[in-house]
Amino acid sequence: MKKDFVKILKLDNEVEAQLMKNSLEERNIPHMVRSYHDSAYDGIYQFQKGWGVILAPESFKEEIMEIYNDIQHLDNE
């Protein structure tokens, strides 16, 4: 993990992760998507922790959260 990256938000599933990844790349926001899937344990940690997380510099947190909220809003329509 990059030194200045922090956990910004938890992702619930792979579709949400892909939507966020695409949106962040379009806006040139530095980020990493980290899945909690571990093949040795057949993904058991994803049931406990969620699908994964978005990691990014703290300075982008507000913008990333706005993008996430927009995606959530579209999903609920």
N, C-alpha and C. Protein backbone atom coordinates (compact mmCIF):
# COMPACT_ATOMS: atom_id res chain seq x y z
N MET A 1 0.85 -1.18 0.00
CA MET A 1 0.00 0.00 0.00
C MET A 1 0.89 1.23 0.00
N LYS A 2 0.46 2.22 -0.75
CA LYS A 2 1.22 3.46 -0.78
C LYS A 2 1.16 4.13 0.59
N LYS A 3 2.25 4.75 0.96
CA LYS A 3 2.41 5.30 2.30
C LYS A 3 1.36 6.34 2.66
N ASP A 4 0.96 7.18 1.71
CA ASP A 4 0.01 8.25 2.03
C ASP A 4 -1.44 7.86 1.77
N PHE A 5 -1.71 6.58 1.48
CA PHE A 5 -3.07 6.12 1.25
C PHE A 5 -3.69 5.67 2.56
N VAL A 6 -4.96 6.01 2.75
CA VAL A 6 -5.72 5.59 3.93
C VAL A 6 -7.02 4.95 3.47
N LYS A 7 -7.65 4.20 4.35
CA LYS A 7 -8.94 3.59 4.03
C LYS A 7 -10.00 4.71 3.97
N ILE A 8 -10.66 4.80 2.83
CA ILE A 8 -11.67 5.83 2.64
C ILE A 8 -13.07 5.27 2.87
N LEU A 9 -13.36 4.10 2.27
CA LEU A 9 -14.68 3.52 2.47
C LEU A 9 -14.68 2.03 2.19
N LYS A 10 -15.68 1.35 2.77
CA LYS A 10 -15.86 -0.08 2.59
C LYS A 10 -16.76 -0.31 1.39
N LEU A 11 -16.44 -1.30 0.59
CA LEU A 11 -17.23 -1.67 -0.57
C LEU A 11 -18.02 -2.94 -0.27
N ASP A 12 -19.26 -2.98 -0.76
CA ASP A 12 -20.13 -4.12 -0.46
C ASP A 12 -20.02 -5.26 -1.45
N ASN A 13 -19.65 -4.95 -2.70
CA ASN A 13 -19.60 -6.02 -3.70
C ASN A 13 -18.71 -5.62 -4.88
N GLU A 14 -18.50 -6.56 -5.77
CA GLU A 14 -17.59 -6.34 -6.90
C GLU A 14 -18.13 -5.32 -7.90
N VAL A 15 -19.44 -5.27 -8.08
CA VAL A 15 -20.04 -4.30 -9.01
C VAL A 15 -19.80 -2.88 -8.50
N GLU A 16 -20.05 -2.67 -7.22
CA GLU A 16 -19.80 -1.37 -6.60
C GLU A 16 -18.33 -0.99 -6.73
N ALA A 17 -17.44 -1.96 -6.52
CA ALA A 17 -16.01 -1.71 -6.64
C ALA A 17 -15.64 -1.27 -8.06
N GLN A 18 -16.20 -1.94 -9.06
CA GLN A 18 -15.89 -1.60 -10.45
C GLN A 18 -16.43 -0.22 -10.81
N LEU A 19 -17.63 0.10 -10.36
CA LEU A 19 -18.20 1.43 -10.62
C LEU A 19 -17.34 2.52 -10.00
N MET A 20 -16.92 2.31 -8.77
CA MET A 20 -16.07 3.29 -8.10
C MET A 20 -14.72 3.42 -8.80
N LYS A 21 -14.14 2.29 -9.15
CA LYS A 21 -12.84 2.30 -9.83
C LYS A 21 -12.92 3.10 -11.13
N ASN A 22 -13.95 2.84 -11.92
CA ASN A 22 -14.12 3.57 -13.19
C ASN A 22 -14.31 5.06 -12.96
N SER A 23 -15.13 5.41 -11.99
CA SER A 23 -15.39 6.83 -11.70
C SER A 23 -14.13 7.54 -11.21
N LEU A 24 -13.37 6.89 -10.36
CA LEU A 24 -12.15 7.51 -9.84
C LEU A 24 -11.09 7.65 -10.93
N GLU A 25 -11.00 6.66 -11.80
CA GLU A 25 -10.04 6.75 -12.91
C GLU A 25 -10.42 7.87 -13.88
N GLU A 26 -11.72 8.03 -14.16
CA GLU A 26 -12.18 9.11 -15.05
C GLU A 26 -11.79 10.47 -14.51
N ARG A 27 -11.76 10.60 -13.19
CA ARG A 27 -11.46 11.89 -12.55
C ARG A 27 -9.97 12.00 -12.17
N ASN A 28 -9.18 11.03 -12.55
CA ASN A 28 -7.75 11.00 -12.23
C ASN A 28 -7.47 11.12 -10.73
N ILE A 29 -8.29 10.47 -9.94
CA ILE A 29 -8.10 10.46 -8.49
C ILE A 29 -7.23 9.25 -8.13
N PRO A 30 -6.10 9.47 -7.49
CA PRO A 30 -5.24 8.35 -7.11
C PRO A 30 -5.97 7.45 -6.10
N HIS A 31 -5.93 6.17 -6.34
CA HIS A 31 -6.65 5.24 -5.47
C HIS A 31 -6.16 3.82 -5.66
N MET A 32 -6.57 2.96 -4.74
CA MET A 32 -6.38 1.52 -4.85
C MET A 32 -7.68 0.86 -4.40
N VAL A 33 -8.07 -0.18 -5.10
CA VAL A 33 -9.21 -0.98 -4.67
C VAL A 33 -8.62 -2.28 -4.13
N ARG A 34 -8.90 -2.57 -2.88
CA ARG A 34 -8.36 -3.77 -2.24
C ARG A 34 -9.52 -4.69 -1.85
N SER A 35 -9.50 -5.89 -2.41
CA SER A 35 -10.49 -6.90 -2.08
C SER A 35 -10.05 -7.67 -0.84
N TYR A 36 -11.00 -8.08 -0.03
CA TYR A 36 -10.70 -8.92 1.12
C TYR A 36 -10.73 -10.40 0.77
N HIS A 37 -10.94 -10.72 -0.52
CA HIS A 37 -11.01 -12.12 -0.91
C HIS A 37 -9.65 -12.78 -0.71
N ASP A 38 -9.67 -13.93 -0.12
CA ASP A 38 -8.46 -14.71 0.08
C ASP A 38 -8.78 -16.14 -0.36
N SER A 39 -8.18 -16.56 -1.45
CA SER A 39 -8.50 -17.88 -2.00
C SER A 39 -8.19 -19.01 -1.02
N ALA A 40 -7.22 -18.82 -0.16
CA ALA A 40 -6.88 -19.86 0.82
C ALA A 40 -8.03 -20.11 1.79
N TYR A 41 -8.82 -19.05 2.04
CA TYR A 41 -9.94 -19.18 2.96
C TYR A 41 -11.28 -19.06 2.25
N ASP A 42 -11.26 -19.19 0.92
CA ASP A 42 -12.46 -19.19 0.08
C ASP A 42 -13.34 -17.97 0.32
N GLY A 43 -12.72 -16.81 0.52
CA GLY A 43 -13.47 -15.56 0.62
C GLY A 43 -14.21 -15.34 1.92
N ILE A 44 -13.91 -16.12 2.95
CA ILE A 44 -14.64 -16.01 4.22
C ILE A 44 -14.54 -14.61 4.83
N TYR A 45 -13.41 -13.92 4.62
CA TYR A 45 -13.25 -12.58 5.20
C TYR A 45 -14.16 -11.56 4.54
N GLN A 46 -14.59 -11.82 3.32
CA GLN A 46 -15.52 -10.90 2.66
C GLN A 46 -16.87 -10.92 3.36
N PHE A 47 -17.26 -12.03 3.94
CA PHE A 47 -18.52 -12.09 4.67
C PHE A 47 -18.42 -11.30 5.97
N GLN A 48 -17.24 -11.25 6.56
CA GLN A 48 -17.05 -10.56 7.83
C GLN A 48 -16.76 -9.08 7.65
N LYS A 49 -15.95 -8.73 6.66
CA LYS A 49 -15.46 -7.36 6.52
C LYS A 49 -16.10 -6.58 5.39
N GLY A 50 -16.83 -7.24 4.51
CA GLY A 50 -17.33 -6.60 3.30
C GLY A 50 -16.45 -7.02 2.13
N TRP A 51 -16.82 -6.62 0.93
CA TRP A 51 -16.09 -7.05 -0.26
C TRP A 51 -14.65 -6.55 -0.25
N GLY A 52 -14.48 -5.29 0.11
CA GLY A 52 -13.14 -4.70 0.10
C GLY A 52 -13.21 -3.23 0.47
N VAL A 53 -12.16 -2.50 0.12
CA VAL A 53 -12.08 -1.08 0.48
C VAL A 53 -11.47 -0.26 -0.65
N ILE A 54 -11.74 1.04 -0.59
CA ILE A 54 -11.06 2.02 -1.43
C ILE A 54 -10.01 2.69 -0.54
N LEU A 55 -8.79 2.71 -1.02
CA LEU A 55 -7.69 3.40 -0.34
C LEU A 55 -7.26 4.56 -1.23
N ALA A 56 -7.02 5.71 -0.61
CA ALA A 56 -6.63 6.91 -1.37
C ALA A 56 -6.03 7.92 -0.40
N PRO A 57 -5.39 8.97 -0.93
CA PRO A 57 -4.92 10.04 -0.05
C PRO A 57 -6.11 10.68 0.69
N GLU A 58 -5.90 11.01 1.92
CA GLU A 58 -6.94 11.62 2.76
C GLU A 58 -7.54 12.87 2.10
N SER A 59 -6.73 13.60 1.36
CA SER A 59 -7.19 14.85 0.74
C SER A 59 -8.29 14.62 -0.30
N PHE A 60 -8.48 13.40 -0.76
CA PHE A 60 -9.52 13.09 -1.75
C PHE A 60 -10.77 12.48 -1.12
N LYS A 61 -10.78 12.33 0.20
CA LYS A 61 -11.88 11.62 0.87
C LYS A 61 -13.25 12.23 0.55
N GLU A 62 -13.37 13.53 0.68
CA GLU A 62 -14.67 14.17 0.45
C GLU A 62 -15.17 13.93 -0.97
N GLU A 63 -14.29 14.09 -1.94
CA GLU A 63 -14.67 13.89 -3.34
C GLU A 63 -15.06 12.43 -3.61
N ILE A 64 -14.31 11.50 -3.04
CA ILE A 64 -14.62 10.08 -3.21
C ILE A 64 -15.95 9.74 -2.57
N MET A 65 -16.22 10.29 -1.40
CA MET A 65 -17.49 10.03 -0.73
C MET A 65 -18.67 10.60 -1.54
N GLU A 66 -18.48 11.74 -2.17
CA GLU A 66 -19.53 12.31 -3.02
C GLU A 66 -19.81 11.39 -4.21
N ILE A 67 -18.76 10.87 -4.82
CA ILE A 67 -18.92 9.93 -5.95
C ILE A 67 -19.66 8.69 -5.47
N TYR A 68 -19.27 8.16 -4.32
CA TYR A 68 -19.91 6.96 -3.77
C TYR A 68 -21.39 7.22 -3.50
N ASN A 69 -21.70 8.36 -2.90
CA ASN A 69 -23.10 8.70 -2.62
C ASN A 69 -23.90 8.83 -3.90
N ASP A 70 -23.31 9.41 -4.95
CA ASP A 70 -23.99 9.50 -6.24
C ASP A 70 -24.28 8.12 -6.80
N ILE A 71 -23.33 7.21 -6.70
CA ILE A 71 -23.53 5.85 -7.20
C ILE A 71 -24.62 5.15 -6.39
N GLN A 72 -24.61 5.33 -5.08
CA GLN A 72 -25.64 4.74 -4.22
C GLN A 72 -27.01 5.29 -4.56
N HIS A 73 -27.09 6.58 -4.82
CA HIS A 73 -28.36 7.22 -5.16
C HIS A 73 -28.91 6.66 -6.48
N LEU A 74 -28.05 6.47 -7.47
CA LEU A 74 -28.48 5.91 -8.76
C LEU A 74 -28.96 4.47 -8.59
N ASP A 75 -28.30 3.74 -7.71
CA ASP A 75 -28.66 2.34 -7.47
C ASP A 75 -30.03 2.21 -6.80
N ASN A 76 -30.42 3.23 -6.04
CA ASN A 76 -31.69 3.17 -5.31
C ASN A 76 -32.88 3.73 -6.11
N GLU A 77 -32.62 4.23 -7.29
CA GLU A 77 -33.72 4.78 -8.09
C GLU A 77 -34.45 3.70 -8.82
